[in-house]
Amino acid sequence: MDHSRAPVLEALEVFRRRGDVVYGPPGHKQGRGADPRVARAVGDGVFRSDVLLLNGLDDRRESQDVLERAQELMADAVGAERAFFSTCGSSLSVKTAMLSVAGPGEKLLLSRNAHKSVIAAVVVNGVRPVWVHPEFDADRHLAHPPAPDDVRRALAEHPDAKGMLLITPTDWGTCADVRGVAEACHDAGVPLVLDEAWGAHFPFHPGLPVWGIDAGADLVVTSVHKMGGAIEQSSVFHLQHDRVSPEVLRQREDLLGTTSASSLVYATLDGWRRQMVEQGLDLLGGALRRAGRIREAAAALPGLAPMGDEVVEAGLAADFDPLKIVLDVRGLGISGMQAAEWLREEHRVDVGGSDSCRISVSVTHADDDETERILLDALTALTERADELERRPPVRLPEPPALELEQAMSPREAFFARVEHVPAREAVGRVSAETISPYPPGVPVVTPGEVIGAQAVAYLRSGVAHGVLIPDAADPSLETFRVVARDAA
C-alpha cells in the first residue's frame, strides 16, 4: 500500500482549501466563533481543523471512504488484518474489546494488575472476572505480567471462560510472554486480547519488545498518545484471526463510543502511521540510543537504581521496554512521589509516573539533546539535594499475598448494591462497593466485590498520609470506606 498517503489529513487539507461553510456542528464554525483568548491559548489551527467526518471531511454518505482508507493503511503498517480508530482513548477501547469477547454473566480471564478502566468495564459489561495474579517482585514492590502457566491453570479451572485480557507492557514497562499466553489461550479455543496501551511503537523497531499482533494475539488495543505522535484520546483496535468477529467489535464500539468523533484524533493517528512507516526505524533507533545514555548516566548517580535486564534475567518478566526508564529512588531516602514533586517544583520536569518506590520517564522519538540534558541535570540536582526534602510518614507496603483479596461478590453486583460508609477501622472484612486506585498508575488495590484486608487498609491509609492521590474513592482521605451493606452482601 502507498504509505505516503494520509487520507484523513488529505481530506482535511482539501476541506480547508475549499473553504466550506458548515451549518452543523461544531458550533464554533472552524474558529469563527471562538473566543480569541481561547484561540490564543490553544492555537487557531485547532479550531480550523475541528471538522466532523460526516458532511465535512467526507460527504453525507461517506462515499470517499476517508476513514476506511486510513484504517486500512494502519492495519497494513502493523501487520494486522483489520484496524479501527477510536477517539475515546483506550479506557473505552478496552471496555469495547472486553464486551466483544464476553457478555454479561460470562467469565473472562483478567490480569489483576489491570488499570482501573478494566474494572470499570467489568462493572459496566457485567462480565464475571477470573483474576490471574501477576508475578510479584517483592524487592521492588512491583507487579509484572502473569506467566503463561498461570493462564493455563486458570483456563483449566474455568473451561467456560470466553477469553483472556492481558495487560502488557505494564505502566512500568515490563512485558508478558505474549506468545506463550497466546498459545495457552488458543489451545483452549479462546481469544487473547491485549491491553497494549503503552506499546503502540513496538511494531516499528526490532529493538523493542515483540508486537502483540506478531506474537499471535487476536485483538490488540493501543494508545498512540502514550508513546506515539497522536494527540490525547487516540486509540486503535488491531484485529487478526477469526476468534473475535470484526462485526461484533464494530457493534460494541458503536454501543459505547461517541457519534461525534474528533477529526483531530483521526488526523494525528493517520499522520503518525505515515511518519512511523517512513521514518520510524531511524526515529526510534535514535530514541533507543538516547534512552541508553540516560539510563547509563542515571545509574552513575548516587541513590538512583534504574530497572533493566535484571528483571528479565530473574524470570520476573519476559521483556521490558527500554524507552521506559524506571528509577528506584529509595536509595535517596525519599519516595517517588516526593521526587516527582521536587522535580516539577524546582526544575519544571514532569515525570510520567511515581509511587512509593520509584519514578518513571518515557523517552520517545520527540526527545532531543536539550530534553536529555534537562532531565539529567534535574536528576543530578535531585541526588545532591534529596537530604533537604522533608521526611514524610512511610508507606506501609503490604506482603504480596495481602493484595490477593477474596472476591465475595461480582464487581457489578457490589457496585450497584445498597451501600454504607464505615470508618476505616471497621472496613476490614467488609465487601468493598468501590474501586480504590493510587494514581498514577491507577491499578486498583481494592475493587468492588472484594473483601477488604487489614494490610490493604494500612497500605492505602499510610499512602494518603504520605501524599498518594486516590481520586476514585468516595472519600479520597480514606477516613471512611464505601462498603456493601450487611443485609445486601
Protein backbone atom coordinates (compact mmCIF):
# COMPACT_ATOMS: atom_id res chain seq x y z
CA MET A 1 0.00 0.00 0.00
CA ASP A 2 1.08 3.59 -0.56
CA HIS A 3 2.07 4.78 2.91
CA SER A 4 2.97 8.23 1.66
CA ARG A 5 -0.76 8.87 1.66
CA ALA A 6 -2.68 10.11 4.71
CA PRO A 7 -6.38 10.06 3.77
CA VAL A 8 -7.72 11.95 6.79
CA LEU A 9 -5.05 14.64 6.63
CA GLU A 10 -5.50 14.98 2.88
CA ALA A 11 -9.27 15.34 3.27
CA LEU A 12 -8.73 17.98 5.94
CA GLU A 13 -6.39 19.94 3.69
CA VAL A 14 -8.93 19.74 0.84
CA PHE A 15 -11.71 20.92 3.17
CA ARG A 16 -9.70 23.92 4.28
CA ARG A 17 -8.64 24.87 0.74
CA ARG A 18 -12.21 24.54 -0.49
CA GLY A 19 -13.46 26.98 2.12
CA ASP A 20 -16.64 25.12 3.03
CA VAL A 21 -19.03 26.93 5.37
CA VAL A 22 -20.62 24.41 7.71
CA TYR A 23 -24.15 24.82 9.06
CA GLY A 24 -23.89 21.97 11.54
CA PRO A 25 -21.57 21.11 14.42
CA PRO A 26 -19.17 22.20 15.74
CA GLY A 27 -20.81 25.43 16.77
CA HIS A 28 -17.60 27.48 16.69
CA LYS A 29 -17.64 27.04 12.87
CA GLN A 30 -13.95 26.34 12.39
CA GLY A 31 -12.95 29.11 14.76
CA ARG A 32 -15.23 31.91 13.56
CA GLY A 33 -16.98 31.96 16.91
CA ALA A 34 -14.07 31.00 19.13
CA ASP A 35 -13.20 33.36 21.95
CA PRO A 36 -9.92 35.00 20.83
CA ARG A 37 -8.50 34.37 24.31
CA VAL A 38 -9.11 30.64 23.84
CA ALA A 39 -7.68 30.70 20.31
CA ARG A 40 -4.53 32.40 21.59
CA ALA A 41 -4.10 29.69 24.20
CA VAL A 42 -4.73 26.61 22.06
CA GLY A 43 -3.99 27.94 18.56
CA ASP A 44 -6.25 28.90 15.67
CA GLY A 45 -5.38 25.69 13.84
CA VAL A 46 -7.11 23.57 16.47
CA PHE A 47 -10.44 25.19 15.64
CA ARG A 48 -9.87 25.24 11.87
CA SER A 49 -9.12 21.51 11.92
CA ASP A 50 -12.07 20.59 14.12
CA VAL A 51 -14.37 19.16 11.44
CA LEU A 52 -16.84 16.30 11.52
CA LEU A 53 -16.30 13.37 9.20
CA LEU A 54 -19.92 13.34 8.04
CA ASN A 55 -20.71 16.30 5.77
CA GLY A 56 -17.24 17.63 6.47
CA LEU A 57 -14.13 15.60 5.70
CA ASP A 58 -16.40 13.21 3.81
CA ASP A 59 -19.84 13.64 2.27
CA ARG A 60 -23.26 12.67 3.60
CA ARG A 61 -22.88 9.03 2.55
CA GLU A 62 -19.16 8.85 3.44
CA SER A 63 -18.65 7.74 -0.13
CA GLN A 64 -14.99 8.80 -0.19
CA ASP A 65 -14.11 6.18 2.44
CA VAL A 66 -11.74 8.63 4.10
CA LEU A 67 -11.67 6.86 7.44
CA GLU A 68 -11.81 3.36 5.98
CA ARG A 69 -8.75 4.00 3.81
CA ALA A 70 -6.81 5.42 6.78
CA GLN A 71 -7.66 2.36 8.87
CA GLU A 72 -6.59 0.00 6.08
CA LEU A 73 -3.22 1.75 5.94
CA MET A 74 -2.83 1.44 9.71
CA ALA A 75 -3.58 -2.29 9.60
CA ASP A 76 -1.07 -2.78 6.80
CA ALA A 77 1.59 -0.79 8.65
CA VAL A 78 1.48 -3.01 11.74
CA GLY A 79 0.68 -6.37 10.15
CA ALA A 80 -2.91 -6.64 11.39
CA GLU A 81 -5.82 -7.85 9.30
CA ARG A 82 -8.08 -5.01 10.43
CA ALA A 83 -7.65 -1.74 12.33
CA PHE A 84 -10.27 0.57 13.79
CA PHE A 85 -9.65 4.07 15.14
CA SER A 86 -11.15 5.17 18.44
CA THR A 87 -11.35 8.75 19.70
CA CYS A 88 -12.33 7.98 23.29
CA GLY A 89 -8.98 6.69 24.50
CA SER A 90 -8.02 3.13 25.31
CA SER A 91 -10.00 3.32 28.54
CA LEU A 92 -13.10 2.99 26.36
CA SER A 93 -11.43 0.76 23.78
CA VAL A 94 -10.62 -1.82 26.46
CA LYS A 95 -14.26 -1.82 27.57
CA THR A 96 -15.30 -2.41 23.96
CA ALA A 97 -12.75 -5.19 23.48
CA MET A 98 -13.90 -6.99 26.62
CA LEU A 99 -17.56 -6.75 25.61
CA SER A 100 -16.65 -8.15 22.18
CA VAL A 101 -15.33 -11.34 23.80
CA ALA A 102 -17.56 -11.91 26.83
CA GLY A 103 -21.10 -10.79 27.54
CA PRO A 104 -22.96 -10.16 30.79
CA GLY A 105 -22.58 -13.04 33.21
CA GLU A 106 -19.85 -14.74 31.18
CA LYS A 107 -16.34 -15.35 32.50
CA LEU A 108 -13.24 -13.57 31.26
CA LEU A 109 -9.67 -14.05 32.49
CA LEU A 110 -8.15 -10.73 33.57
CA SER A 111 -4.71 -9.72 34.79
CA ARG A 112 -5.23 -8.46 38.34
CA ASN A 113 -2.70 -5.68 37.74
CA ALA A 114 -5.22 -4.14 35.34
CA HIS A 115 -5.85 -0.42 35.02
CA LYS A 116 -8.97 0.93 36.71
CA SER A 117 -10.63 1.18 33.27
CA VAL A 118 -10.69 -2.63 33.15
CA ILE A 119 -12.50 -2.73 36.49
CA ALA A 120 -14.94 -0.16 35.18
CA ALA A 121 -15.54 -2.38 32.15
CA VAL A 122 -16.31 -5.34 34.41
CA VAL A 123 -18.91 -3.24 36.22
CA VAL A 124 -20.43 -1.81 33.04
CA ASN A 125 -20.34 -5.01 30.99
CA GLY A 126 -21.36 -7.40 33.76
CA VAL A 127 -18.52 -9.78 32.90
CA ARG A 128 -17.56 -12.19 35.68
CA PRO A 129 -13.81 -11.75 36.23
CA VAL A 130 -11.41 -14.62 36.75
CA TRP A 131 -8.35 -12.89 38.17
CA VAL A 132 -4.94 -14.10 37.05
CA HIS A 133 -2.47 -12.72 39.55
CA PRO A 134 0.73 -11.10 38.33
CA GLU A 135 4.32 -12.05 39.01
CA PHE A 136 5.08 -10.04 42.13
CA ASP A 137 8.55 -8.57 42.56
CA ALA A 138 8.98 -8.36 46.34
CA ASP A 139 12.29 -6.48 46.22
CA ARG A 140 10.89 -3.71 44.07
CA HIS A 141 7.30 -3.98 45.36
CA LEU A 142 6.22 -4.21 41.73
CA ALA A 143 3.77 -6.35 39.76
CA HIS A 144 4.90 -7.83 36.44
CA PRO A 145 2.53 -9.52 33.94
CA PRO A 146 1.33 -13.08 34.68
CA ALA A 147 3.14 -16.02 33.08
CA PRO A 148 1.71 -18.47 30.51
CA ASP A 149 1.50 -21.26 33.10
CA ASP A 150 -0.68 -19.05 35.30
CA VAL A 151 -3.03 -18.52 32.37
CA ARG A 152 -3.11 -22.25 31.54
CA ARG A 153 -4.05 -23.09 35.13
CA ALA A 154 -6.80 -20.51 35.17
CA LEU A 155 -8.21 -21.80 31.88
CA ALA A 156 -8.14 -25.37 33.18
CA GLU A 157 -10.01 -24.30 36.31
CA HIS A 158 -12.51 -22.23 34.30
CA PRO A 159 -13.07 -24.04 30.98
CA ASP A 160 -16.16 -21.88 30.38
CA ALA A 161 -14.10 -18.67 30.27
CA LYS A 162 -14.53 -16.82 26.98
CA GLY A 163 -11.01 -15.45 26.68
CA MET A 164 -8.19 -13.55 28.33
CA LEU A 165 -7.38 -9.86 28.70
CA LEU A 166 -3.65 -9.38 29.29
CA ILE A 167 -2.05 -6.07 30.22
CA THR A 168 1.38 -5.68 28.63
CA PRO A 169 3.55 -3.74 28.94
CA THR A 170 2.78 -2.57 32.46
CA ASP A 171 2.91 1.11 33.37
CA TRP A 172 6.49 0.42 34.46
CA GLY A 173 7.49 -1.07 31.10
CA THR A 174 7.74 -4.79 31.86
CA CYS A 175 6.25 -7.16 29.29
CA ALA A 176 4.49 -10.50 29.25
CA ASP A 177 5.40 -13.61 27.30
CA VAL A 178 2.68 -12.82 24.79
CA ARG A 179 3.49 -15.80 22.54
CA GLY A 180 3.21 -18.19 25.46
CA VAL A 181 -0.07 -16.70 26.69
CA ALA A 182 -1.48 -16.69 23.14
CA GLU A 183 -0.65 -20.38 22.78
CA ALA A 184 -2.32 -21.14 26.11
CA CYS A 185 -5.47 -19.30 25.06
CA HIS A 186 -5.58 -20.77 21.57
CA ASP A 187 -5.03 -24.30 22.88
CA ALA A 188 -8.16 -23.71 24.95
CA GLY A 189 -10.01 -22.36 21.90
CA VAL A 190 -10.39 -18.80 23.21
CA PRO A 191 -9.02 -15.44 22.06
CA LEU A 192 -6.28 -13.36 23.65
CA VAL A 193 -6.97 -9.63 23.95
CA LEU A 194 -4.06 -7.33 24.78
CA ASP A 195 -4.30 -4.03 26.55
CA GLU A 196 -1.07 -2.86 24.92
CA ALA A 197 -1.76 0.79 25.59
CA TRP A 198 1.92 1.52 26.21
CA GLY A 199 3.15 -0.43 23.17
CA ALA A 200 1.90 1.41 20.08
CA HIS A 201 5.51 1.94 18.95
CA PHE A 202 6.51 -1.73 19.18
CA PRO A 203 5.80 -2.62 15.50
CA PHE A 204 8.23 -0.07 14.17
CA HIS A 205 11.65 -1.11 15.51
CA PRO A 206 13.25 -4.54 16.10
CA GLY A 207 14.99 -3.29 19.24
CA LEU A 208 11.64 -3.01 21.03
CA PRO A 209 9.64 -5.84 22.64
CA VAL A 210 7.61 -8.10 20.38
CA TRP A 211 4.45 -6.53 18.97
CA GLY A 212 1.25 -8.24 20.13
CA ILE A 213 -0.03 -8.97 16.62
CA ASP A 214 3.29 -10.59 15.67
CA ALA A 215 3.12 -12.67 18.86
CA GLY A 216 -0.27 -14.14 17.99
CA ALA A 217 -2.74 -12.01 19.97
CA ASP A 218 -6.22 -11.80 18.45
CA LEU A 219 -7.16 -8.23 19.40
CA VAL A 220 -4.69 -5.56 20.48
CA VAL A 221 -5.64 -2.16 21.87
CA THR A 222 -3.02 0.62 21.74
CA SER A 223 -2.94 4.20 22.98
CA VAL A 224 -1.00 6.10 20.36
CA HIS A 225 -0.90 9.23 22.51
CA LYS A 226 1.23 7.48 25.16
CA MET A 227 4.40 6.64 23.23
CA GLY A 228 3.45 7.77 19.71
CA GLY A 229 2.77 11.04 17.96
CA ALA A 230 -1.01 11.40 18.10
CA ILE A 231 -2.96 13.62 20.48
CA GLU A 232 -4.63 12.56 23.72
CA GLN A 233 -7.53 10.06 23.46
CA SER A 234 -6.12 8.49 20.29
CA SER A 235 -6.58 4.72 20.39
CA VAL A 236 -6.59 1.90 17.85
CA PHE A 237 -8.05 -1.63 17.78
CA HIS A 238 -5.87 -4.10 15.84
CA LEU A 239 -7.51 -7.38 14.85
CA GLN A 240 -6.43 -10.67 13.31
CA HIS A 241 -7.65 -14.29 13.06
CA ASP A 242 -11.34 -15.17 13.41
CA ARG A 243 -11.72 -15.58 17.17
CA VAL A 244 -13.08 -12.03 17.55
CA SER A 245 -15.64 -11.00 14.95
CA PRO A 246 -14.97 -7.61 13.32
CA GLU A 247 -18.73 -7.18 13.00
CA VAL A 248 -19.19 -7.72 16.74
CA LEU A 249 -16.29 -5.38 17.51
CA ARG A 250 -17.83 -2.64 15.37
CA GLN A 251 -21.23 -3.07 17.01
CA ARG A 252 -19.80 -2.99 20.52
CA GLU A 253 -17.72 0.09 19.69
CA ASP A 254 -20.84 1.76 18.29
CA LEU A 255 -22.64 0.89 21.52
CA LEU A 256 -20.06 2.55 23.75
CA GLY A 257 -18.30 5.08 21.51
CA THR A 258 -19.12 8.62 20.51
CA THR A 259 -21.08 9.67 17.43
CA SER A 260 -19.09 12.93 17.41
CA ALA A 261 -15.62 11.57 16.77
CA SER A 262 -12.80 14.10 16.72
CA SER A 263 -11.16 14.72 13.36
CA LEU A 264 -8.11 15.94 15.29
CA VAL A 265 -7.62 12.44 16.70
CA TYR A 266 -8.22 10.77 13.34
CA ALA A 267 -5.83 13.14 11.58
CA THR A 268 -2.99 12.71 14.06
CA LEU A 269 -3.40 8.91 14.08
CA ASP A 270 -3.20 8.96 10.29
CA GLY A 271 -0.13 11.20 10.27
CA TRP A 272 1.67 9.21 12.96
CA ARG A 273 1.26 5.97 11.00
CA ARG A 274 2.78 7.62 7.91
CA GLN A 275 5.66 9.03 9.95
CA MET A 276 6.45 5.66 11.52
CA VAL A 277 6.36 3.76 8.23
CA GLU A 278 8.60 6.31 6.53
CA GLN A 279 10.92 7.29 9.40
CA GLY A 280 10.15 5.08 12.39
CA LEU A 281 13.28 2.93 12.17
CA ASP A 282 15.56 5.98 12.34
CA LEU A 283 13.46 7.94 14.83
CA LEU A 284 13.01 5.08 17.26
CA GLY A 285 16.61 3.99 16.81
CA GLY A 286 17.68 7.46 17.93
CA ALA A 287 15.30 7.29 20.89
CA LEU A 288 16.71 3.91 21.93
CA ARG A 289 20.28 5.23 21.87
CA ARG A 290 19.21 8.28 23.86
CA ALA A 291 17.39 6.16 26.44
CA GLY A 292 20.51 4.02 26.79
CA ARG A 293 22.63 7.08 27.53
CA ILE A 294 20.11 8.39 30.06
CA ARG A 295 19.87 5.02 31.82
CA GLU A 296 23.67 4.73 31.99
CA ALA A 297 24.05 8.28 33.33
CA ALA A 298 21.28 7.77 35.90
CA ALA A 299 22.90 4.54 37.12
CA ALA A 300 26.07 6.50 37.89
CA LEU A 301 24.20 8.91 40.16
CA PRO A 302 24.20 8.04 43.88
CA GLY A 303 20.90 6.77 45.22
CA LEU A 304 19.26 6.04 41.83
CA ALA A 305 18.75 2.47 40.58
CA PRO A 306 17.42 2.09 37.01
CA MET A 307 15.42 -1.05 36.27
CA GLY A 308 16.60 -3.07 33.29
CA ASP A 309 17.58 -6.52 32.07
CA GLU A 310 17.83 -7.91 35.58
CA VAL A 311 14.02 -8.33 35.80
CA VAL A 312 14.14 -10.48 32.67
CA GLU A 313 17.18 -12.46 33.83
CA ALA A 314 15.41 -13.17 37.11
CA GLY A 315 12.40 -14.55 35.23
CA LEU A 316 10.08 -11.84 36.55
CA ALA A 317 9.16 -10.53 33.09
CA ALA A 318 9.63 -11.71 29.51
CA ASP A 319 10.99 -8.35 28.33
CA PHE A 320 10.94 -4.64 29.11
CA ASP A 321 10.59 -1.50 27.02
CA PRO A 322 13.99 0.24 27.02
CA LEU A 323 12.27 3.56 26.29
CA LYS A 324 10.58 3.41 29.70
CA ILE A 325 13.20 4.46 32.25
CA VAL A 326 12.16 3.41 35.75
CA LEU A 327 14.31 4.79 38.56
CA ASP A 328 14.14 3.45 42.10
CA VAL A 329 14.74 6.43 44.41
CA ARG A 330 14.64 4.67 47.79
CA GLY A 331 18.41 4.98 47.99
CA LEU A 332 17.90 8.74 48.39
CA GLY A 333 15.73 8.21 51.46
CA ILE A 334 12.64 9.64 49.76
CA SER A 335 9.61 8.31 47.90
CA GLY A 336 8.92 8.50 44.19
CA MET A 337 6.07 10.94 44.89
CA GLN A 338 8.45 13.28 46.70
CA ALA A 339 10.94 13.03 43.84
CA ALA A 340 8.23 13.82 41.30
CA GLU A 341 7.02 16.84 43.25
CA TRP A 342 10.56 18.20 43.74
CA LEU A 343 11.50 17.76 40.07
CA ARG A 344 8.38 19.63 38.98
CA GLU A 345 8.69 22.46 41.51
CA GLU A 346 12.43 23.02 41.25
CA HIS A 347 13.22 22.10 37.63
CA ARG A 348 9.89 22.10 35.75
CA VAL A 349 10.46 18.44 34.91
CA ASP A 350 7.25 16.41 34.93
CA VAL A 351 7.81 12.66 35.18
CA GLY A 352 5.38 10.12 33.76
CA GLY A 353 4.67 8.14 36.90
CA SER A 354 5.63 7.82 40.54
CA ASP A 355 4.84 5.66 43.55
CA SER A 356 6.28 4.98 46.96
CA CYS A 357 9.48 3.50 45.49
CA ARG A 358 10.19 4.98 42.07
CA ILE A 359 9.62 7.42 39.23
CA SER A 360 9.28 6.67 35.52
CA VAL A 361 10.34 8.65 32.49
CA SER A 362 9.21 7.92 28.94
CA VAL A 363 11.70 8.64 26.16
CA THR A 364 10.16 8.94 22.70
CA HIS A 365 11.17 9.96 19.19
CA ALA A 366 10.25 13.52 20.19
CA ASP A 367 13.13 13.87 22.66
CA ASP A 368 16.32 15.66 21.66
CA ASP A 369 19.66 16.71 23.13
CA GLU A 370 18.02 19.53 25.08
CA THR A 371 15.39 17.36 26.78
CA GLU A 372 18.10 14.79 27.56
CA ARG A 373 20.27 17.46 29.19
CA ILE A 374 17.37 18.96 31.15
CA LEU A 375 16.40 15.57 32.56
CA LEU A 376 19.92 14.57 33.57
CA ASP A 377 20.63 17.97 35.12
CA ALA A 378 17.41 17.67 37.14
CA LEU A 379 18.19 14.11 38.28
CA THR A 380 21.70 15.16 39.28
CA ALA A 381 20.32 18.03 41.34
CA LEU A 382 17.80 15.70 42.97
CA THR A 383 20.55 13.36 44.16
CA GLU A 384 22.52 16.31 45.51
CA ARG A 385 19.62 17.86 47.42
CA ALA A 386 17.47 14.88 48.39
CA ASP A 387 18.59 15.14 52.02
CA GLU A 388 16.88 18.57 52.15
CA LEU A 389 13.44 17.09 51.47
CA GLU A 390 11.12 16.59 54.42
CA ARG A 391 10.86 13.08 55.79
CA ARG A 392 7.23 12.04 55.45
CA PRO A 393 5.49 9.14 57.21
CA PRO A 394 6.50 5.91 55.46
CA VAL A 395 4.10 3.97 53.26
CA ARG A 396 3.33 0.61 54.87
CA LEU A 397 3.95 -1.72 51.95
CA PRO A 398 2.00 -5.00 52.30
CA GLU A 399 3.25 -8.51 51.71
CA PRO A 400 2.29 -9.72 48.18
CA PRO A 401 -0.37 -12.25 49.32
CA ALA A 402 -2.16 -9.46 51.21
CA LEU A 403 -3.09 -7.86 47.89
CA GLU A 404 -4.79 -11.02 46.58
CA LEU A 405 -8.18 -10.23 48.08
CA GLU A 406 -11.11 -12.63 48.21
CA GLN A 407 -13.81 -11.95 45.60
CA ALA A 408 -17.03 -12.30 47.61
CA MET A 409 -19.40 -10.72 45.04
CA SER A 410 -19.16 -9.82 41.39
CA PRO A 411 -17.88 -6.27 40.85
CA ARG A 412 -21.15 -5.28 39.16
CA GLU A 413 -23.32 -6.65 41.98
CA ALA A 414 -21.23 -4.93 44.62
CA PHE A 415 -21.06 -1.62 42.79
CA PHE A 416 -24.84 -1.40 42.42
CA ALA A 417 -25.70 -2.92 45.80
CA ARG A 418 -27.11 -0.96 48.72
CA VAL A 419 -24.08 0.56 50.43
CA GLU A 420 -22.96 2.27 53.59
CA HIS A 421 -19.91 4.24 54.62
CA VAL A 422 -17.91 2.95 57.57
CA PRO A 423 -14.81 4.24 59.38
CA ALA A 424 -11.55 2.76 58.10
CA ARG A 425 -11.06 0.64 61.22
CA GLU A 426 -14.44 -1.03 60.58
CA ALA A 427 -13.82 -1.64 56.86
CA VAL A 428 -11.60 -4.70 57.37
CA GLY A 429 -13.56 -7.82 56.47
CA ARG A 430 -16.30 -5.87 54.68
CA VAL A 431 -17.09 -6.16 50.96
CA SER A 432 -15.96 -3.13 49.00
CA ALA A 433 -18.51 -1.26 46.89
CA GLU A 434 -15.89 0.95 45.23
CA THR A 435 -12.62 0.92 43.32
CA ILE A 436 -9.63 2.31 45.21
CA SER A 437 -6.67 3.10 42.98
CA PRO A 438 -3.49 5.00 43.83
CA TYR A 439 -2.96 7.24 40.81
CA PRO A 440 -0.91 7.18 38.71
CA PRO A 441 -0.66 4.46 37.50
CA GLY A 442 -4.25 3.71 38.51
CA VAL A 443 -4.03 -0.02 39.27
CA PRO A 444 -6.69 -0.75 41.93
CA VAL A 445 -5.68 -2.09 45.32
CA VAL A 446 -9.35 -2.83 46.06
CA THR A 447 -12.13 -3.47 43.56
CA PRO A 448 -15.89 -3.75 44.09
CA GLY A 449 -16.85 -7.14 45.49
CA GLU A 450 -13.50 -7.84 47.16
CA VAL A 451 -13.17 -8.37 50.90
CA ILE A 452 -11.09 -5.52 52.29
CA GLY A 453 -7.98 -6.75 54.13
CA ALA A 454 -6.19 -5.16 57.06
CA GLN A 455 -2.88 -4.78 55.22
CA ALA A 456 -4.65 -3.19 52.25
CA VAL A 457 -6.24 -0.60 54.56
CA ALA A 458 -2.92 0.12 56.27
CA TYR A 459 -1.17 0.45 52.91
CA LEU A 460 -3.77 2.79 51.45
CA ARG A 461 -4.13 4.99 54.51
CA SER A 462 -0.38 5.30 55.02
CA GLY A 463 -0.15 6.19 51.33
CA VAL A 464 -2.66 9.00 51.73
CA ALA A 465 -0.73 10.30 54.75
CA HIS A 466 2.41 10.29 52.59
CA GLY A 467 0.72 12.13 49.71
CA VAL A 468 -0.65 9.42 47.41
CA LEU A 469 -3.57 10.54 45.23
CA ILE A 470 -6.68 8.34 45.50
CA PRO A 471 -9.11 10.05 43.10
CA ASP A 472 -11.73 7.34 42.65
CA ALA A 473 -12.63 6.57 46.28
CA ALA A 474 -15.86 8.07 47.57
CA ASP A 475 -13.76 9.52 50.41
CA PRO A 476 -10.29 10.30 48.99
CA SER A 477 -8.99 10.82 52.52
CA LEU A 478 -9.89 7.18 53.27
CA GLU A 479 -11.20 8.13 56.66
CA THR A 480 -14.21 6.11 55.54
CA PHE A 481 -14.75 3.29 53.04
CA ARG A 482 -17.79 2.62 50.83
CA VAL A 483 -18.89 -0.96 51.50
CA VAL A 484 -21.81 -3.21 50.68
CA ALA A 485 -24.50 -3.00 53.35
CA ARG A 486 -24.55 -6.13 55.52
CA ASP A 487 -28.05 -7.13 54.51
CA ALA A 488 -27.14 -6.76 50.79
CA ALA A 489 -23.96 -8.84 50.80
